[in-house]
Amino acid sequence: MAQNQNQPIFILSEGTQRTIGRDAQRNNIMAAKLVAETVRTTLGPKGMDKMLVDSVGDIVVTNDGVTILEEMQIEHPAAKMIVEVAKTQENEVGDGTTTAVILAGELLKNAERLLDQDIHPTVIAKGYRQAAEEAQEILNRISENVSINDEDLLKKIAITAMTGKGAEASKDSLASLIVKAVKQVIELGDKNNISNLDIEDIKLEKRVGGGTDDSELIKGIVIDKERVNSAMPKQVRNAKVALLDVALEIKNTETDAKIQISDPAQLQAFIDQEERIIREMVDRILKSGANVVIAQKGIDDLAQHFLGKNGIYAVRRVKKTDIEKLARATGAKIVSSLKDLSKEDLGYAGLVEEIKIGDEEMTFVRECKNPKAVTLLIRGGTKHVVDEVERAVKDALGDIVAALKVGRVVAGGGSTEVEVSRELRKFANKMSGREQLAILAFADAFEIIPRTLAENAGLDPIDKLTELKAQHDKGMKWAGLDVFKGKVVDSWKEGVIEPLKIKTQATKSASEVAELILRIDDVIAASNLSKEGSGMPPGMGGMHPEMM
């Protein structure tokens, strides 16, 4: 009996690796810190770029946090949680991904110091939660108002978002285009409140050729399609646009069918009948008064011939999203049955034309009356330049939309983080117990942003941080770092403006993921997965952060 009691009991399958207690916590924190360190050098106007080369040799050059982390194909599960923070930030705001990741990494780094002092993870998590709630209140308290009429302020938000990115050389002209685009698609309700503002209503179309300064705003939609027949006009003025969600061709039968023809006359009658059906379709379009047809489905060769003969410009197989944007731009209704097509369903565009850009023909639907969907055509010398400019423009658009939806903005240059850190220390002094240490650690973590900005600009981080704190203690709440002059300035007066939502979302996401990772004390990784999959990602075995 005694021998049986000493028998080892296996509850996990062979080859499963398990990391317990402090080792699990250290591994997870190390992985999160490594992710933060990876993107840290990209922060700010003087941040550096990363070159990412994939398995087939495609190159991406960027300093956009979420793009870097997605391209890196990170395997470690704790590191993946940090990548999720970046993705959430990107989806919610469109900018501030690097800030969110760095903040999460620093929160875990500071938590590790508290763990070494034998403070329990749940105590740290509770302190972090209290600090995060207080940080949200501080951010709302110190922020300033912004509205759609503050055009100058909106331009500053766009310029701040693009500074230090690939679009920096043309940031002023691009900022003007972005603000005009947002003002065009915004819909205001009672008392000038925003009733609708959707970033999807601004289509970004990119083309290699020319320079970034050649980018333009089209009051309408650019479609990556050419006219279907060379007999059609290249240009149509005062266009009456029909948007069709129906094929201009003979439908195939739903089931397999066989038609038996016994003499040539029957064959000719069959062909004539097909032609008659197509002609009726085209006649319905002519009757409605349309001179531009944009179809989501196919257009038969015969239909193309008839349309071209009648001077109608037609485009086929246009994406559903583009058709929907065209409806918002031209005021047309999307028609699913040609029998119902009438004059009232048509939209208006001042000009529809086919233009060759680079190697490709594109259709421009422009000069629409008060369009609620527009296109930003982004140009650049090479593919990599155009891609990076597009990422910068997306960030700027996201910032302006986030600022207008919340209606609040803050200054950049690290000024907001220093102010939040200062107020959190005051809050910590009111607390008692070990949570106070966690709140102080949370306050310290905010200082990583101005410190990183200084480091990336080649300045002394300790000197600059001391200088910033001194100015904030004097009541200068927007004292931030001008990395170009290497001085502490009033960031608001210098025009370094960011939407409040960047800061609130980054604080929320970073604190939540830090709390989540801190509470993990056991990691079980299956190394030999069955074909059905055990629900655990590959690469977890061993749990070393180097596995990124």
Protein backbone atom coordinates (compact mmCIF):
# COMPACT_ATOMS: atom_id res chain seq x y z
CA MET A 1 0.00 0.00 0.00
CA ALA A 2 2.81 2.37 0.91
CA GLN A 3 4.39 1.85 -2.48
CA ASN A 4 1.14 2.79 -4.26
CA GLN A 5 0.97 6.11 -2.38
CA ASN A 6 4.29 7.21 -3.87
CA GLN A 7 3.16 6.60 -7.46
CA PRO A 8 3.34 9.83 -9.51
CA ILE A 9 -0.03 10.96 -10.93
CA PHE A 10 -0.08 12.49 -14.41
CA ILE A 11 -3.04 14.76 -15.19
CA LEU A 12 -1.59 16.32 -18.36
CA SER A 13 -0.67 14.63 -21.63
CA GLU A 14 2.95 13.73 -22.34
CA GLY A 15 5.03 16.59 -23.75
CA THR A 16 2.90 19.31 -22.12
CA GLN A 17 5.01 22.11 -20.67
CA ARG A 18 3.94 23.97 -17.59
CA THR A 19 5.31 27.16 -16.02
CA ILE A 20 4.10 27.99 -12.52
CA GLY A 21 4.10 30.95 -10.11
CA ARG A 22 6.80 33.61 -10.33
CA ASP A 23 8.43 31.99 -13.37
CA ALA A 24 5.17 32.26 -15.31
CA GLN A 25 4.73 35.91 -14.26
CA ARG A 26 8.34 36.80 -15.12
CA ASN A 27 8.08 35.10 -18.52
CA ASN A 28 4.87 36.92 -19.40
CA ILE A 29 6.16 40.28 -18.20
CA MET A 30 9.44 39.79 -20.09
CA ALA A 31 7.54 39.00 -23.31
CA ALA A 32 5.36 42.10 -22.91
CA LYS A 33 8.40 44.29 -22.21
CA LEU A 34 10.15 42.97 -25.32
CA VAL A 35 7.16 43.89 -27.50
CA ALA A 36 7.14 47.40 -26.00
CA GLU A 37 10.91 47.75 -26.53
CA THR A 38 10.50 46.73 -30.18
CA VAL A 39 8.19 49.64 -31.05
CA ARG A 40 9.55 52.13 -28.52
CA THR A 41 12.14 53.64 -30.90
CA THR A 42 9.38 54.59 -33.37
CA LEU A 43 7.57 57.00 -30.99
CA GLY A 44 7.40 60.70 -31.73
CA PRO A 45 8.49 63.02 -34.55
CA LYS A 46 12.10 61.85 -34.26
CA GLY A 47 11.17 58.15 -34.05
CA MET A 48 12.93 55.75 -36.41
CA ASP A 49 11.36 53.40 -38.97
CA LYS A 50 11.43 49.60 -39.12
CA MET A 51 12.03 47.56 -42.25
CA LEU A 52 10.02 44.34 -42.20
CA VAL A 53 10.76 41.62 -44.76
CA ASP A 54 8.35 38.68 -45.04
CA SER A 55 9.03 35.10 -46.16
CA VAL A 56 8.56 35.93 -49.86
CA GLY A 57 10.78 39.00 -49.69
CA ASP A 58 8.07 41.71 -49.65
CA ILE A 59 9.26 44.80 -47.80
CA VAL A 60 7.30 47.12 -45.50
CA VAL A 61 9.02 50.27 -44.19
CA THR A 62 7.00 51.94 -41.43
CA ASN A 63 6.97 53.41 -37.93
CA ASP A 64 3.27 52.60 -37.41
CA GLY A 65 3.06 50.49 -34.23
CA VAL A 66 0.21 48.17 -35.22
CA THR A 67 1.67 47.53 -38.71
CA ILE A 68 5.03 46.53 -37.18
CA LEU A 69 3.44 44.16 -34.65
CA GLU A 70 1.13 42.55 -37.22
CA GLU A 71 3.98 41.99 -39.70
CA MET A 72 6.22 40.47 -37.00
CA GLN A 73 3.96 37.41 -36.55
CA ILE A 74 4.50 37.20 -32.80
CA GLU A 75 4.02 33.74 -31.26
CA HIS A 76 4.31 34.18 -27.48
CA PRO A 77 0.77 34.24 -25.97
CA ALA A 78 1.45 37.08 -23.48
CA ALA A 79 3.08 39.10 -26.25
CA LYS A 80 0.01 38.45 -28.40
CA MET A 81 -2.12 40.11 -25.70
CA ILE A 82 -0.01 43.26 -26.06
CA VAL A 83 -0.51 43.13 -29.85
CA GLU A 84 -4.26 43.01 -29.17
CA VAL A 85 -3.89 46.33 -27.30
CA ALA A 86 -2.42 47.88 -30.47
CA LYS A 87 -5.21 46.42 -32.61
CA THR A 88 -7.91 47.73 -30.27
CA GLN A 89 -6.31 51.19 -30.31
CA GLU A 90 -6.18 51.07 -34.13
CA ASN A 91 -9.84 50.04 -34.42
CA GLU A 92 -11.13 52.54 -31.86
CA VAL A 93 -9.05 55.61 -32.77
CA GLY A 94 -6.75 54.77 -35.68
CA ASP A 95 -3.70 56.28 -33.95
CA GLY A 96 -1.74 56.04 -30.68
CA THR A 97 -0.91 52.35 -31.05
CA THR A 98 2.74 52.81 -30.07
CA THR A 99 1.72 54.87 -27.01
CA ALA A 100 -0.68 52.14 -25.84
CA VAL A 101 1.91 49.36 -26.24
CA ILE A 102 4.72 51.30 -24.51
CA LEU A 103 2.40 52.18 -21.63
CA ALA A 104 1.34 48.53 -21.19
CA GLY A 105 4.99 47.42 -21.19
CA GLU A 106 5.96 50.03 -18.60
CA LEU A 107 3.00 49.17 -16.32
CA LEU A 108 4.17 45.53 -16.26
CA LYS A 109 7.81 46.55 -15.75
CA ASN A 110 6.82 48.65 -12.70
CA ALA A 111 4.58 45.84 -11.44
CA GLU A 112 7.56 43.48 -11.54
CA ARG A 113 9.38 45.72 -9.03
CA LEU A 114 6.37 45.48 -6.69
CA LEU A 115 6.24 41.69 -7.12
CA ASP A 116 9.90 41.58 -6.01
CA GLN A 117 8.82 43.37 -2.82
CA ASP A 118 6.33 40.51 -2.18
CA ILE A 119 3.24 42.56 -2.98
CA HIS A 120 0.50 40.22 -4.16
CA PRO A 121 -0.54 40.48 -7.85
CA THR A 122 -4.22 41.02 -6.95
CA VAL A 123 -3.23 44.03 -4.77
CA ILE A 124 -1.24 45.51 -7.68
CA ALA A 125 -4.16 44.84 -10.07
CA LYS A 126 -6.58 46.58 -7.68
CA GLY A 127 -4.28 49.61 -7.35
CA TYR A 128 -3.88 49.78 -11.13
CA ARG A 129 -7.66 49.66 -11.57
CA GLN A 130 -8.16 52.55 -9.13
CA ALA A 131 -5.37 54.53 -10.82
CA ALA A 132 -6.83 53.90 -14.30
CA GLU A 133 -10.25 55.20 -13.19
CA GLU A 134 -8.66 58.30 -11.67
CA ALA A 135 -6.51 58.82 -14.81
CA GLN A 136 -9.70 58.86 -16.95
CA GLU A 137 -11.19 61.56 -14.71
CA ILE A 138 -7.98 63.62 -14.83
CA LEU A 139 -7.85 63.37 -18.64
CA ASN A 140 -11.45 64.53 -18.99
CA ARG A 141 -10.86 67.36 -16.52
CA ILE A 142 -7.77 68.80 -18.25
CA SER A 143 -9.01 68.41 -21.87
CA GLU A 144 -10.28 71.30 -24.03
CA ASN A 145 -13.32 71.59 -26.32
CA VAL A 146 -13.21 71.24 -30.12
CA SER A 147 -15.93 71.52 -32.78
CA ILE A 148 -16.26 71.22 -36.57
CA ASN A 149 -15.93 75.01 -36.86
CA ASP A 150 -12.42 75.02 -35.31
CA GLU A 151 -10.78 74.42 -38.70
CA ASP A 152 -7.37 75.67 -37.56
CA LEU A 153 -7.41 73.34 -34.54
CA LEU A 154 -8.46 70.37 -36.71
CA LYS A 155 -5.55 71.04 -39.09
CA LYS A 156 -3.16 71.06 -36.13
CA ILE A 157 -4.53 67.65 -35.03
CA ALA A 158 -3.88 66.26 -38.54
CA ILE A 159 -0.38 67.77 -38.71
CA THR A 160 0.48 66.38 -35.25
CA ALA A 161 -0.64 62.90 -36.37
CA MET A 162 1.49 63.03 -39.54
CA THR A 163 4.64 64.56 -38.03
CA GLY A 164 7.45 62.01 -37.95
CA LYS A 165 5.77 59.78 -40.55
CA GLY A 166 6.31 59.32 -44.28
CA ALA A 167 3.87 62.14 -45.10
CA GLU A 168 5.74 64.78 -43.08
CA ALA A 169 7.11 66.67 -46.12
CA SER A 170 3.57 67.40 -47.38
CA LYS A 171 1.78 67.46 -44.01
CA ASP A 172 0.33 70.98 -44.46
CA SER A 173 -1.31 70.30 -47.85
CA LEU A 174 -2.50 66.84 -46.76
CA ALA A 175 -3.92 68.27 -43.49
CA SER A 176 -6.02 70.77 -45.51
CA LEU A 177 -7.35 67.98 -47.75
CA ILE A 178 -8.19 65.77 -44.74
CA VAL A 179 -10.07 68.55 -42.89
CA LYS A 180 -12.00 69.46 -46.08
CA ALA A 181 -12.90 65.77 -46.56
CA VAL A 182 -14.19 65.43 -42.97
CA LYS A 183 -16.18 68.69 -43.22
CA GLN A 184 -17.73 67.45 -46.46
CA VAL A 185 -18.98 64.06 -45.18
CA ILE A 186 -20.08 65.12 -41.68
CA GLU A 187 -23.83 65.37 -41.11
CA LEU A 188 -25.05 67.77 -38.44
CA GLY A 189 -28.34 67.51 -36.57
CA ASP A 190 -30.07 69.92 -34.19
CA LYS A 191 -27.91 72.55 -32.47
CA ASN A 192 -24.98 71.57 -34.73
CA ASN A 193 -24.65 68.19 -33.02
CA ILE A 194 -23.01 65.47 -35.12
CA SER A 195 -25.70 63.10 -36.40
CA ASN A 196 -23.39 61.08 -38.63
CA LEU A 197 -19.61 60.96 -39.11
CA ASP A 198 -18.24 57.74 -40.56
CA ILE A 199 -14.58 57.45 -41.56
CA GLU A 200 -15.67 54.86 -44.17
CA ASP A 201 -17.30 57.69 -46.17
CA ILE A 202 -13.80 58.95 -47.00
CA LYS A 203 -12.31 56.57 -49.54
CA LEU A 204 -8.51 56.41 -49.74
CA GLU A 205 -7.28 55.57 -53.23
CA LYS A 206 -3.52 55.35 -53.71
CA ARG A 207 -1.52 55.49 -56.94
CA VAL A 208 2.21 55.46 -57.66
CA GLY A 209 3.27 58.41 -59.81
CA GLY A 210 3.90 62.10 -59.17
CA GLY A 211 4.75 63.35 -55.68
CA THR A 212 2.88 63.46 -52.38
CA ASP A 213 1.95 67.10 -53.14
CA ASP A 214 -0.03 65.86 -56.15
CA SER A 215 -2.53 64.17 -53.81
CA GLU A 216 -6.03 65.59 -54.25
CA LEU A 217 -9.53 65.56 -52.80
CA ILE A 218 -12.23 64.49 -55.24
CA LYS A 219 -15.79 65.55 -54.41
CA GLY A 220 -17.07 62.19 -55.50
CA ILE A 221 -15.70 58.68 -55.86
CA VAL A 222 -12.75 57.24 -57.79
CA ILE A 223 -13.35 53.69 -59.03
CA ASP A 224 -10.49 51.39 -59.93
CA LYS A 225 -12.27 50.40 -63.17
CA GLU A 226 -12.30 51.47 -66.81
CA ARG A 227 -15.27 51.89 -69.16
CA VAL A 228 -16.34 48.54 -70.56
CA ASN A 229 -16.26 49.45 -74.26
CA SER A 230 -14.00 51.71 -76.30
CA ALA A 231 -17.04 52.96 -78.30
CA MET A 232 -18.31 54.69 -75.14
CA PRO A 233 -17.48 58.35 -74.48
CA LYS A 234 -14.38 58.98 -72.34
CA GLN A 235 -16.04 61.89 -70.62
CA VAL A 236 -19.63 62.66 -69.63
CA ARG A 237 -20.64 66.09 -68.31
CA ASN A 238 -23.81 66.63 -66.23
CA ALA A 239 -23.89 62.90 -65.63
CA LYS A 240 -27.14 61.21 -64.59
CA VAL A 241 -25.85 58.13 -62.79
CA ALA A 242 -27.71 54.82 -62.54
CA LEU A 243 -26.38 52.39 -59.88
CA LEU A 244 -27.37 48.82 -60.72
CA ASP A 245 -27.25 45.78 -58.49
CA VAL A 246 -28.46 43.66 -61.41
CA ALA A 247 -26.63 41.97 -64.30
CA LEU A 248 -27.13 43.35 -67.83
CA GLU A 249 -26.87 39.88 -69.33
CA ILE A 250 -28.94 36.75 -69.86
CA LYS A 251 -29.17 34.74 -66.66
CA ASN A 252 -28.22 31.09 -66.66
CA THR A 253 -30.90 28.73 -65.38
CA GLU A 254 -30.74 27.73 -61.73
CA THR A 255 -30.82 24.01 -62.65
CA ASP A 256 -29.10 22.16 -65.48
CA ALA A 257 -31.24 22.58 -68.60
CA LYS A 258 -30.97 21.22 -72.12
CA ILE A 259 -32.39 22.99 -75.17
CA GLN A 260 -32.92 20.90 -78.32
CA ILE A 261 -32.79 22.73 -81.62
CA SER A 262 -33.67 20.77 -84.75
CA ASP A 263 -33.24 23.35 -87.54
CA PRO A 264 -31.25 26.62 -88.14
CA ALA A 265 -34.39 28.77 -88.00
CA GLN A 266 -34.96 27.76 -84.38
CA LEU A 267 -31.35 28.67 -83.54
CA GLN A 268 -31.79 32.08 -85.16
CA ALA A 269 -35.04 32.62 -83.24
CA PHE A 270 -33.24 31.72 -80.01
CA ILE A 271 -30.43 34.23 -80.74
CA ASP A 272 -32.97 36.91 -81.73
CA GLN A 273 -34.87 36.38 -78.49
CA GLU A 274 -31.67 36.85 -76.43
CA GLU A 275 -30.94 40.05 -78.36
CA ARG A 276 -34.47 41.31 -77.76
CA ILE A 277 -34.16 40.75 -73.99
CA ILE A 278 -30.81 42.63 -73.88
CA ARG A 279 -32.24 45.46 -76.02
CA GLU A 280 -35.22 45.79 -73.64
CA MET A 281 -32.81 46.11 -70.70
CA VAL A 282 -30.88 48.89 -72.47
CA ASP A 283 -34.14 50.61 -73.51
CA ARG A 284 -35.22 50.76 -69.87
CA ILE A 285 -31.93 52.49 -68.99
CA LEU A 286 -32.38 54.95 -71.91
CA LYS A 287 -35.97 55.64 -70.87
CA SER A 288 -34.83 56.61 -67.35
CA GLY A 289 -32.54 59.28 -68.86
CA ALA A 290 -29.30 57.82 -67.44
CA ASN A 291 -26.09 58.55 -69.34
CA VAL A 292 -23.73 56.77 -66.88
CA VAL A 293 -24.30 53.18 -65.75
CA ILE A 294 -22.30 51.72 -62.86
CA ALA A 295 -23.09 48.04 -62.35
CA GLN A 296 -22.15 45.77 -59.47
CA LYS A 297 -22.52 42.74 -61.74
CA GLY A 298 -21.66 41.87 -65.36
CA ILE A 299 -22.59 43.67 -68.60
CA ASP A 300 -23.06 41.49 -71.69
CA ASP A 301 -21.02 42.30 -74.85
CA LEU A 302 -24.22 43.04 -76.75
CA ALA A 303 -25.44 45.34 -73.96
CA GLN A 304 -22.07 47.11 -74.08
CA HIS A 305 -22.55 47.65 -77.84
CA PHE A 306 -26.05 49.13 -77.43
CA LEU A 307 -24.97 51.33 -74.50
CA GLY A 308 -21.94 52.60 -76.43
CA LYS A 309 -24.10 53.35 -79.49
CA ASN A 310 -26.35 55.54 -77.32
CA GLY A 311 -23.39 57.43 -75.83
CA ILE A 312 -23.72 55.90 -72.36
CA TYR A 313 -20.62 55.48 -70.16
CA ALA A 314 -20.71 52.12 -68.37
CA VAL A 315 -18.57 50.39 -65.72
CA ARG A 316 -19.08 46.81 -64.50
CA ARG A 317 -18.17 44.58 -61.54
CA VAL A 318 -17.76 47.50 -59.14
CA LYS A 319 -17.31 46.57 -55.46
CA LYS A 320 -20.41 46.74 -53.25
CA THR A 321 -18.68 49.21 -50.89
CA ASP A 322 -17.89 51.52 -53.84
CA ILE A 323 -21.51 51.33 -55.06
CA GLU A 324 -22.71 52.31 -51.58
CA LYS A 325 -20.24 55.23 -51.46
CA LEU A 326 -21.40 56.34 -54.94
CA ALA A 327 -24.99 56.37 -53.65
CA ARG A 328 -23.93 58.70 -50.81
CA ALA A 329 -21.89 60.88 -53.18
CA THR A 330 -24.31 61.23 -56.13
CA GLY A 331 -27.63 60.82 -54.31
CA ALA A 332 -28.58 57.87 -56.55
CA LYS A 333 -30.59 54.89 -55.32
CA ILE A 334 -29.17 51.38 -55.82
CA VAL A 335 -31.60 49.57 -58.13
CA SER A 336 -32.00 45.79 -57.92
CA SER A 337 -34.59 45.45 -60.70
CA LEU A 338 -34.44 47.20 -64.08
CA LYS A 339 -38.25 47.27 -64.23
CA ASP A 340 -38.23 49.69 -61.29
CA LEU A 341 -35.53 52.02 -62.73
CA SER A 342 -36.89 55.55 -63.06
CA LYS A 343 -35.65 59.13 -63.32
CA GLU A 344 -36.01 59.53 -59.54
CA ASP A 345 -33.46 56.76 -58.92
CA LEU A 346 -30.65 58.56 -60.75
CA GLY A 347 -27.86 60.48 -59.09
CA TYR A 348 -25.96 63.52 -60.31
CA ALA A 349 -22.27 64.15 -60.97
CA GLY A 350 -20.85 67.20 -62.77
CA LEU A 351 -18.28 65.07 -64.56
CA VAL A 352 -17.60 61.36 -65.07
CA GLU A 353 -14.37 60.60 -66.91
CA GLU A 354 -11.79 57.92 -67.52
CA ILE A 355 -8.24 58.98 -66.60
CA LYS A 356 -5.01 57.03 -66.93
CA ILE A 357 -2.87 57.17 -63.78
CA GLY A 358 0.39 55.27 -64.02
CA ASP A 359 -0.41 52.09 -65.94
CA GLU A 360 -4.08 51.87 -65.05
CA GLU A 361 -7.29 53.47 -66.27
CA MET A 362 -9.59 54.73 -63.53
CA THR A 363 -13.09 56.19 -63.50
CA PHE A 364 -13.50 59.54 -61.72
CA VAL A 365 -17.03 60.49 -60.62
CA ARG A 366 -16.51 64.09 -59.52
CA GLU A 367 -18.21 67.47 -58.94
CA CYS A 368 -21.14 65.89 -57.08
CA LYS A 369 -23.64 68.20 -55.36
CA ASN A 370 -22.93 68.17 -51.60
CA PRO A 371 -21.53 64.60 -51.61
CA LYS A 372 -21.62 62.65 -48.34
CA ALA A 373 -18.82 60.37 -49.54
CA VAL A 374 -15.55 61.64 -51.04
CA THR A 375 -12.19 60.27 -52.21
CA LEU A 376 -8.68 61.21 -51.16
CA LEU A 377 -6.36 60.28 -54.02
CA ILE A 378 -2.90 59.71 -52.50
CA ARG A 379 0.11 59.99 -54.79
CA GLY A 380 3.79 59.23 -54.24
CA GLY A 381 7.02 58.39 -56.03
CA THR A 382 7.26 54.71 -55.06
CA LYS A 383 4.97 52.00 -53.69
CA HIS A 384 6.61 52.13 -50.24
CA VAL A 385 6.21 55.92 -50.06
CA VAL A 386 2.53 55.73 -51.07
CA ASP A 387 1.86 52.97 -48.51
CA GLU A 388 3.47 54.95 -45.68
CA VAL A 389 1.67 58.18 -46.68
CA GLU A 390 -1.61 56.24 -46.67
CA ARG A 391 -0.91 54.98 -43.10
CA ALA A 392 -0.14 58.55 -41.97
CA VAL A 393 -3.33 59.90 -43.60
CA LYS A 394 -5.38 57.12 -41.93
CA ASP A 395 -3.91 58.13 -38.56
CA ALA A 396 -4.74 61.80 -39.18
CA LEU A 397 -8.30 60.98 -40.31
CA GLY A 398 -8.83 58.75 -37.28
CA ASP A 399 -7.58 61.52 -34.98
CA ILE A 400 -9.90 64.18 -36.40
CA VAL A 401 -12.95 61.88 -36.35
CA ALA A 402 -12.14 60.78 -32.76
CA ALA A 403 -11.65 64.42 -31.68
CA LEU A 404 -14.98 65.51 -33.19
CA LYS A 405 -16.99 62.56 -31.90
CA VAL A 406 -15.82 63.10 -28.30
CA GLY A 407 -15.50 66.87 -28.75
CA ARG A 408 -12.38 67.08 -26.55
CA VAL A 409 -8.66 67.42 -27.25
CA VAL A 410 -5.41 67.61 -25.29
CA ALA A 411 -1.90 68.83 -26.06
CA GLY A 412 0.86 66.44 -27.12
CA GLY A 413 4.63 66.45 -26.64
CA GLY A 414 4.32 64.40 -23.43
CA SER A 415 2.54 67.27 -21.64
CA THR A 416 -0.67 65.29 -20.96
CA GLU A 417 1.25 62.30 -19.55
CA VAL A 418 3.31 64.46 -17.17
CA GLU A 419 0.14 66.22 -15.94
CA VAL A 420 -1.69 62.90 -15.39
CA SER A 421 1.35 61.47 -13.58
CA ARG A 422 1.50 64.55 -11.31
CA GLU A 423 -2.23 64.39 -10.45
CA LEU A 424 -2.05 60.62 -9.83
CA ARG A 425 0.69 61.14 -7.23
CA LYS A 426 -1.60 63.54 -5.37
CA PHE A 427 -4.34 60.90 -5.56
CA ALA A 428 -1.95 58.21 -4.22
CA ASN A 429 -1.20 60.31 -1.16
CA LYS A 430 -4.87 60.12 -0.16
CA MET A 431 -4.76 56.31 -0.21
CA SER A 432 -3.47 53.95 2.43
CA GLY A 433 -2.17 50.39 2.27
CA ARG A 434 -0.22 48.65 -0.43
CA GLU A 435 -2.54 49.90 -3.21
CA GLN A 436 -0.81 53.27 -2.76
CA LEU A 437 2.45 51.74 -4.09
CA ALA A 438 0.59 50.36 -7.13
CA ILE A 439 -0.95 53.79 -7.87
CA LEU A 440 2.50 55.40 -7.63
CA ALA A 441 3.87 52.73 -9.99
CA PHE A 442 1.00 53.57 -12.40
CA ALA A 443 1.89 57.28 -12.16
CA ASP A 444 5.57 56.50 -12.89
CA ALA A 445 4.57 54.45 -15.95
CA PHE A 446 3.03 57.54 -17.61
CA GLU A 447 6.43 59.22 -17.60
CA ILE A 448 7.70 56.65 -20.12
CA ILE A 449 6.11 58.70 -22.96
CA PRO A 450 8.01 61.99 -22.44
CA ARG A 451 11.16 60.00 -21.52
CA THR A 452 10.94 58.03 -24.80
CA LEU A 453 10.30 61.20 -26.82
CA ALA A 454 13.48 62.70 -25.34
CA GLU A 455 15.55 59.54 -25.93
CA ASN A 456 14.41 59.22 -29.56
CA ALA A 457 15.37 62.85 -30.16
CA GLY A 458 18.86 62.31 -28.70
CA LEU A 459 18.14 64.48 -25.62
CA ASP A 460 18.92 63.70 -21.98
CA PRO A 461 15.69 62.11 -20.65
CA ILE A 462 16.41 62.83 -16.96
CA ASP A 463 17.13 66.53 -17.55
CA LYS A 464 14.08 67.02 -19.76
CA LEU A 465 11.76 65.12 -17.42
CA THR A 466 12.95 67.20 -14.45
CA GLU A 467 12.40 70.39 -16.47
CA LEU A 468 8.91 69.25 -17.52
CA LYS A 469 7.90 68.44 -13.94
CA ALA A 470 9.16 71.83 -12.75
CA GLN A 471 7.02 73.65 -15.35
CA HIS A 472 3.94 71.59 -14.46
CA ASP A 473 4.45 72.35 -10.77
CA LYS A 474 4.33 76.05 -11.73
CA GLY A 475 0.86 75.47 -13.18
CA MET A 476 1.80 75.19 -16.88
CA LYS A 477 -0.38 72.15 -17.65
CA TRP A 478 0.52 71.96 -21.36
CA ALA A 479 4.31 72.10 -20.84
CA GLY A 480 5.64 69.54 -23.32
CA LEU A 481 8.77 68.65 -25.21
CA ASP A 482 9.64 70.24 -28.56
CA VAL A 483 11.95 67.54 -29.92
CA PHE A 484 13.09 69.72 -32.84
CA LYS A 485 14.33 72.59 -30.63
CA GLY A 486 15.20 70.32 -27.70
CA LYS A 487 13.32 72.63 -25.33
CA VAL A 488 10.32 72.51 -23.00
CA VAL A 489 7.53 74.59 -24.58
CA ASP A 490 3.79 75.21 -24.27
CA SER A 491 2.62 72.40 -26.58
CA TRP A 492 -0.85 73.92 -27.02
CA LYS A 493 0.58 77.22 -28.32
CA GLU A 494 2.99 75.28 -30.55
CA GLY A 495 -0.01 73.52 -32.14
CA VAL A 496 0.80 69.98 -30.98
CA ILE A 497 -2.78 68.77 -30.46
CA GLU A 498 -4.15 65.24 -30.06
CA PRO A 499 -7.69 63.91 -29.52
CA LEU A 500 -8.58 63.03 -25.93
CA LYS A 501 -9.71 59.56 -27.08
CA ILE A 502 -6.12 58.53 -27.93
CA LYS A 503 -5.14 59.02 -24.28
CA THR A 504 -8.29 57.56 -22.69
CA GLN A 505 -8.29 54.47 -24.94
CA ALA A 506 -4.54 53.86 -24.50
CA THR A 507 -4.89 54.17 -20.69
CA LYS A 508 -7.90 51.85 -20.62
CA SER A 509 -6.40 49.15 -22.89
CA ALA A 510 -2.91 49.24 -21.32
CA SER A 511 -4.18 49.02 -17.73
CA GLU A 512 -6.64 46.21 -18.53
CA VAL A 513 -4.03 44.06 -20.28
CA ALA A 514 -1.50 44.71 -17.50
CA GLU A 515 -4.04 43.56 -14.87
CA LEU A 516 -4.87 40.49 -16.97
CA ILE A 517 -1.24 39.41 -17.39
CA LEU A 518 -0.44 40.06 -13.70
CA ARG A 519 -3.15 37.65 -12.58
CA ILE A 520 -1.70 34.72 -14.58
CA ASP A 521 0.36 32.40 -12.36
CA ASP A 522 0.21 29.15 -14.33
CA VAL A 523 0.83 28.58 -18.04
CA ILE A 524 0.11 25.17 -19.52
CA ALA A 525 1.31 24.68 -23.09
CA ALA A 526 0.56 21.62 -25.22
CA SER A 527 3.54 20.83 -27.43
CA ASN A 528 2.18 18.00 -29.60
CA LEU A 529 -1.12 19.25 -30.98
CA SER A 530 -3.63 16.85 -32.46
CA LYS A 531 -4.98 17.50 -35.95
CA GLU A 532 -8.25 18.76 -34.50
CA GLY A 533 -6.25 21.27 -32.46
CA SER A 534 -6.24 21.58 -28.71
CA GLY A 535 -7.12 25.28 -28.72
CA MET A 536 -3.55 26.31 -27.79
CA PRO A 537 -1.47 28.31 -30.29
CA PRO A 538 1.77 26.86 -31.66
CA GLY A 539 4.96 28.30 -30.22
CA MET A 540 3.82 28.25 -26.58
CA GLY A 541 6.09 25.38 -25.59
CA GLY A 542 8.91 26.53 -23.33
CA MET A 543 7.27 29.97 -22.94
CA HIS A 544 10.50 31.84 -23.64
CA PRO A 545 10.01 35.44 -24.77
CA GLU A 546 12.75 34.91 -27.38
CA MET A 547 10.15 32.83 -29.27
CA MET A 548 8.67 36.05 -30.65
